[in-house]
Amino acid sequence: MAEYLLSKGYQVKGSATSSDKVSVLKRQGIEAYQLQLNPAPTEDLDVLLKADILLINIPPKAGKQGNEFHPEQIRHLTLAIPQSPIKHVIYVSSTSVYPELKRTVIEDDVNEPQQSAAPALVEAEQLVLALAPGRTVTVLRCAGLMGYNRIPGKYVAGRTVDSGAVPVNYLHRDDAVGILAAIIQQKMAGTFNAVAPEHPTREAVYRKSCADFGYELPTFVEPEKPVSFKIIGSEKLLNELDYSFRFSNPLSFFYQSGPK
C-alpha cells in the first residue's frame, strides 16, 4: 500500500514494531517510526500523526493478551487523533465479524458487538467510527487476503477437507490496495465489505491451486454434519465506490510462486 501511494506522489509515513523493520521501510522511501501498542503507544504519536490521512492496519491479536487488548490499542489511538491534523481515518477490519448465517451477509448485519462472531473487532470499529463527524471515517472489512505468495493450495496440501462445498470469501492483494486507494481519492466514508464479487467453492479453488502449483491435493470428504458458512456481500462497495475489481473471481487470482 505504501509503495503504491509513493508511486502516485503521496508523502508516506509508516510505523513498524522493530528497528529492523523500520530500516526496511526507510529504504523504500517511507518516513518510518518504531511504534508498539502494548496497548498504550510506546512512543509519542505526535510526529507520526502529523498527516492528512491515517490508515490503521493492526493485526487484532488476542491470545494471551485477551480479547480486550486490540480495542484498547485502538482506544489509545483514537484518544490521540483529535489533537492531530488527521482529516480522514481508515480502519482495516475483517469479515470475521460476521457469524456464519448460511446466507449472504451485508454490512448492516453487524453493527453491534453482540451481533458479531468477533465482538472485540466491532468494539474497535465503533471507537474509530465515533471520530465522525469531525473527521471522515471509513471501516473496511476485508475478506481473506490472497494473491502473490498467499496461495490457497499450500494451506491445505495433503490434508483432509470436509468443507469443500463451502463458498470462499477472498480478496486479492492488488484489489485490497486498489480499494484503499480509491477510498482515499474519493474520500469515501462508511463501513464496507471488501471481497471478490464471485464465490466459488473451496474445493474448486483448492483443486485449481494445487494443480497450478504442484501441491499435493487434499482429500475431500463429506462432513459428518452440515457445515456452516457465509457469503460476504460486496454490493455496497460496488454501488458506492468508483472501483472495478482487477480479480473478481478467486479462480483467476494472480500468484507468483509455487511450493518452497
Foldseek 3Di string as FASTA:
>chain_A
DQLVVVVVPDQAEEEDQDPVVQVVCVVSVHNYDHWDPQPAIPDDCAVVQQDAEAEADDPQDAPPVHLQSSLSSLLNVLVCNVVYNHAEYEYEAAPQQADQPQEEDEDVQDQALVSGPRSSRNSSVVSQVVCPPSHAYEYEHEFAEDAAARFLQVVQFAAEDQQQQAWGWYAYPVQVVVLVVQCVVVVDHDYFYHTQQDTGGNQLRNVLRCVVAVGHRYHYDHDPDDDGHYHYHHVVVVVPTPDDGPDNDSSPGHYHHHDD
